[in-house]
Protein backbone atom coordinates (compact mmCIF):
# COMPACT_ATOMS: atom_id res chain seq x y z
CA UNK A 1 113.14 40.00 107.70
CA UNK A 2 116.75 40.53 107.68
CA UNK A 3 118.32 44.06 107.49
CA UNK A 4 121.68 44.61 105.90
CA UNK A 5 124.62 45.95 107.88
CA UNK A 6 124.85 48.91 105.50
CA UNK A 7 121.19 49.80 106.15
CA UNK A 8 121.69 49.38 109.92
CA UNK A 9 124.67 51.75 109.87
CA UNK A 10 122.81 54.19 107.61
CA UNK A 11 119.75 54.41 109.93
CA UNK A 12 121.99 54.77 112.91
CA UNK A 13 123.96 57.53 111.35
CA UNK A 14 120.87 59.48 110.29
CA UNK A 15 119.28 58.93 113.79
CA UNK A 16 122.40 60.42 115.31
CA UNK A 17 122.61 63.37 112.95
CA UNK A 18 118.90 64.02 112.88
CA UNK A 19 118.55 63.99 116.63
CA UNK A 20 121.47 66.14 117.27
CA UNK A 21 120.46 68.93 114.86
CA UNK A 22 117.54 69.31 117.21
CA UNK A 23 117.69 69.18 121.14
CA UNK A 24 116.60 65.75 121.85
CA UNK A 25 118.44 62.86 123.43
CA UNK A 26 115.92 60.20 124.21
CA UNK A 27 117.79 56.90 124.47
CA UNK A 28 120.75 57.52 126.60
CA UNK A 29 120.77 56.16 130.20
CA UNK A 30 123.03 59.02 131.12
CA UNK A 31 120.07 61.40 130.74
CA UNK A 32 117.98 61.30 134.02
CA UNK A 33 114.51 62.15 134.78
CA UNK A 34 112.90 64.22 132.04
CA UNK A 35 115.93 66.36 131.04
CA UNK A 36 116.18 65.04 127.44
CA UNK A 37 115.40 68.40 125.98
CA UNK A 38 117.68 70.63 127.94
CA UNK A 39 120.63 68.08 127.81
CA UNK A 40 120.25 67.81 123.89
CA UNK A 41 119.94 71.45 123.63
CA UNK A 42 123.10 71.96 125.79
CA UNK A 43 125.09 69.78 123.45
CA UNK A 44 124.00 71.18 120.32
CA UNK A 45 124.61 74.72 121.58
CA UNK A 46 128.21 73.70 122.60
CA UNK A 47 128.74 72.46 119.07
CA UNK A 48 127.42 75.69 117.61
CA UNK A 49 129.33 78.05 120.27
CA UNK A 50 132.83 76.51 120.19
CA UNK A 51 133.46 77.05 116.34
CA UNK A 52 132.66 80.71 116.70
CA UNK A 53 135.45 81.14 119.34
CA UNK A 54 137.81 78.81 117.26
CA UNK A 55 137.35 80.73 114.04
CA UNK A 56 137.66 84.03 115.50
CA UNK A 57 140.82 83.07 117.32
CA UNK A 58 142.29 81.72 113.99
CA UNK A 59 141.48 84.89 112.15
CA UNK A 60 142.96 87.06 114.83
CA UNK A 61 146.21 85.18 114.37
CA UNK A 62 146.01 85.73 110.63
CA UNK A 63 145.12 89.35 110.78
CA UNK A 64 147.90 90.07 113.45
CA UNK A 65 150.39 88.72 111.02
CA UNK A 66 148.72 90.47 108.26
CA UNK A 67 148.68 87.15 106.23
CA UNK A 68 146.29 84.42 104.80
CA UNK A 69 146.89 81.12 106.26
CA UNK A 70 146.83 79.35 102.90
CA UNK A 71 147.84 75.98 104.36
CA UNK A 72 144.70 75.77 106.62
CA UNK A 73 142.47 77.88 104.46
CA UNK A 74 140.57 75.05 103.01
CA UNK A 75 140.11 73.39 106.29
CA UNK A 76 138.73 76.64 107.56
CA UNK A 77 136.26 76.77 104.67
CA UNK A 78 135.12 73.19 105.51
CA UNK A 79 134.96 74.08 109.24
CA UNK A 80 132.83 77.28 108.64
CA UNK A 81 130.55 75.67 106.01
CA UNK A 82 129.84 72.77 108.50
CA UNK A 83 129.01 75.31 111.14
CA UNK A 84 126.67 77.06 108.82
CA UNK A 85 124.94 73.82 107.87
CA UNK A 86 124.56 72.68 111.44
CA UNK A 87 123.35 76.22 112.33
CA UNK A 88 120.67 76.56 109.79
CA UNK A 89 119.64 72.92 110.27
CA UNK A 90 119.09 73.22 113.92
CA UNK A 91 116.98 76.40 113.70
CA UNK A 92 114.90 75.04 110.71
CA UNK A 93 113.96 72.01 112.87
CA UNK A 94 113.04 74.24 115.62
CA UNK A 95 111.00 76.52 113.52
CA UNK A 96 109.13 73.71 111.54
CA UNK A 97 108.74 70.95 113.96
CA UNK A 98 109.81 71.84 117.66
CA UNK A 99 108.00 75.16 118.26
CA UNK A 100 104.81 74.24 116.39
CA UNK A 101 104.54 71.05 118.58
CA UNK A 102 104.73 73.00 121.84
CA UNK A 103 102.33 75.75 120.35
CA UNK A 104 99.75 73.06 120.08
CA UNK A 105 100.60 71.58 123.49
CA UNK A 106 101.00 74.73 125.70
CA UNK A 107 98.08 77.06 125.79
CA UNK A 108 99.15 80.56 124.84
CA UNK A 109 102.64 79.50 123.98
CA UNK A 110 104.62 82.29 122.41
CA UNK A 111 107.99 81.56 120.71
CA UNK A 112 107.84 84.61 118.57
CA UNK A 113 110.93 86.25 120.27
CA UNK A 114 113.04 83.08 119.58
CA UNK A 115 111.78 82.91 115.92
CA UNK A 116 112.68 86.52 115.49
CA UNK A 117 116.12 86.05 116.90
CA UNK A 118 116.53 83.19 114.18
CA UNK A 119 115.61 85.73 111.49
CA UNK A 120 118.12 88.19 112.93
CA UNK A 121 120.88 85.74 113.04
CA UNK A 122 120.46 84.04 109.68
CA UNK A 123 121.41 86.87 107.23
CA UNK A 124 124.75 87.33 109.01
CA UNK A 125 125.50 83.61 109.02
CA UNK A 126 124.61 83.59 105.25
CA UNK A 127 127.12 86.38 104.74
CA UNK A 128 129.73 84.50 106.56
CA UNK A 129 129.17 81.53 104.08
CA UNK A 130 129.43 83.75 101.14
CA UNK A 131 132.69 85.37 102.33
CA UNK A 132 134.51 82.11 103.29
CA UNK A 133 133.59 80.61 99.84
CA UNK A 134 135.15 83.29 97.57
CA UNK A 135 137.79 81.97 95.16
CA UNK A 136 140.63 84.43 96.11
CA UNK A 137 140.63 85.10 99.77
CA UNK A 138 142.45 88.25 101.05
CA UNK A 139 143.41 89.80 104.41
CA UNK A 140 140.46 92.23 104.10
CA UNK A 141 138.08 89.36 103.38
CA UNK A 142 139.32 87.70 106.55
CA UNK A 143 138.79 90.94 108.40
CA UNK A 144 135.08 91.04 107.19
CA UNK A 145 134.51 87.40 108.16
CA UNK A 146 135.81 88.03 111.66
CA UNK A 147 133.63 90.97 111.87
CA UNK A 148 130.62 89.01 110.84
CA UNK A 149 131.63 86.07 113.30
CA UNK A 150 131.83 88.54 116.27
CA UNK A 151 128.38 90.00 115.51
CA UNK A 152 126.98 86.50 115.08
CA UNK A 153 128.45 85.73 118.50
CA UNK A 154 126.79 88.51 120.21
CA UNK A 155 123.33 87.68 118.85
CA UNK A 156 123.91 84.02 119.36
CA UNK A 157 124.76 84.18 123.03
CA UNK A 158 121.70 86.25 123.69
CA UNK A 159 119.45 83.76 121.84
CA UNK A 160 121.25 80.54 123.29
CA UNK A 161 120.74 81.65 126.96
CA UNK A 162 117.16 82.80 126.39
CA UNK A 163 116.26 79.50 124.56
CA UNK A 164 117.86 77.39 127.12
CA UNK A 165 115.82 79.03 129.92
CA UNK A 166 112.63 78.69 127.96
CA UNK A 167 113.23 75.07 127.15
CA UNK A 168 114.13 73.97 130.86
CA UNK A 169 111.35 76.04 132.62
CA UNK A 170 108.41 76.18 129.94
CA UNK A 171 108.80 73.29 127.46
CA UNK A 172 110.56 70.34 129.03
CA UNK A 173 108.12 69.69 131.99
CA UNK A 174 105.03 69.45 129.59
CA UNK A 175 106.42 66.42 127.53
CA UNK A 176 106.70 62.82 128.58
CA UNK A 177 109.67 60.47 127.42
CA UNK A 178 107.35 58.65 125.14
CA UNK A 179 106.22 62.07 123.53
CA UNK A 180 110.01 62.98 123.28
CA UNK A 181 110.73 59.71 121.49
CA UNK A 182 107.91 60.40 119.00
CA UNK A 183 109.18 63.95 118.51
CA UNK A 184 112.67 62.74 118.02
CA UNK A 185 111.68 60.37 115.27
CA UNK A 186 110.16 63.38 113.37
CA UNK A 187 113.31 65.50 113.89
CA UNK A 188 115.61 62.72 112.94
CA UNK A 189 113.81 62.22 109.62
CA UNK A 190 113.99 66.10 108.99
CA UNK A 191 117.73 66.09 109.93
CA UNK A 192 118.43 63.42 107.18
CA UNK A 193 117.74 65.98 104.41
CA UNK A 194 119.93 68.51 105.79
CA UNK A 195 123.05 66.73 106.90
CA UNK A 196 125.25 66.85 103.73
CA UNK A 197 128.00 66.26 103.29
CA UNK A 198 127.90 63.54 106.00
CA UNK A 199 131.59 63.04 105.83
CA UNK A 200 132.09 66.56 107.10
CA UNK A 201 128.98 67.08 109.27
CA UNK A 202 129.35 63.99 111.54
CA UNK A 203 133.00 64.59 112.43
CA UNK A 204 132.14 68.18 112.79
CA UNK A 205 129.55 67.30 115.43
CA UNK A 206 131.71 64.73 117.30
CA UNK A 207 134.92 66.49 117.33
CA UNK A 208 133.55 69.96 118.62
CA UNK A 209 132.69 67.99 121.86
CA UNK A 210 134.98 66.34 124.37
CA UNK A 211 134.88 64.21 127.36
CA UNK A 212 131.51 63.24 128.67
CA UNK A 213 129.68 65.39 126.28
CA UNK A 214 131.34 63.44 123.29
CA UNK A 215 130.43 60.17 125.18
CA UNK A 216 126.91 61.35 125.46
CA UNK A 217 126.46 62.21 121.92
CA UNK A 218 128.10 58.87 120.55
CA UNK A 219 126.66 56.59 123.14
CA UNK A 220 124.13 55.03 120.71
CA UNK A 221 126.24 54.84 117.74
CA UNK A 222 127.53 51.44 116.54
CA UNK A 223 131.14 51.00 117.35
CA UNK A 224 132.24 50.69 113.77
CA UNK A 225 130.73 54.03 112.91
CA UNK A 226 132.39 56.12 115.73
CA UNK A 227 135.70 54.10 115.99
CA UNK A 228 136.33 53.06 112.45
CA UNK A 229 134.27 54.74 109.77
CA UNK A 230 134.44 58.33 111.02
CA UNK A 231 138.15 58.34 112.23
CA UNK A 232 139.55 56.04 109.54
CA UNK A 233 137.61 55.59 106.47
CA UNK A 234 136.23 59.25 106.33
CA UNK A 235 139.40 60.78 107.73
CA UNK A 236 140.71 61.95 104.24
CA UNK A 237 137.36 63.82 103.77
CA UNK A 238 137.53 65.85 106.98
CA UNK A 239 141.18 65.88 107.80
CA UNK A 240 141.67 69.50 106.50
CA UNK A 241 139.48 70.59 109.40
CA UNK A 242 141.60 68.73 112.02
CA UNK A 243 143.60 71.95 113.26
CA UNK A 244 140.23 73.24 114.33
CA UNK A 245 138.71 70.25 116.02
CA UNK A 246 139.22 68.41 119.32
CA UNK A 247 140.72 65.27 117.96
């Protein structure tokens, strides 16, 4: 049975987004041993960490001059909205799929602390989304967004570091490569429903990474997707975010 090029690209795109929302990177030869979970987690955490610093830095400049950067405000909106989408999607996949999988696999597994940290982070992130999407931004609004971003960063760093330690020491050693592939398929399907708009989310993911990290993430993508569709065909959709990306 023949599969159309469009369907193949669509499948590859959603596999990329789905697998990257959650810490799994099963197919790359660059991942050695049984480190798929920790390597994937490291990548998604870098994507979530960098925008916090970038957005805070941008807002610092605006507030130092006591002016709204109207030229780049829509780009900042797209950038922060993409961060929020990836943030919630990553944690949703962990809560609904990843943690329950290991709770069944590991006797007396307890991820309640990580889940509670998710609950503590999400209201603040939701406030950031609400603030960045108001119709008439002001200096005071920017000041409040910066405050919320700083609060999120403090909570996020604590959660990130603890989660990476638990994954590497407690979760990763208990799951085989084949089991990771099966888990990756579930997470990929889950990610498909939470990756809109794709024309913003995939560039956000790719261009908040650089060097070997970007190569690792894009290694299984079709050439036409990563070299033509995203940077050329979709560029008009995500170009307002360019000042905040590693392009």
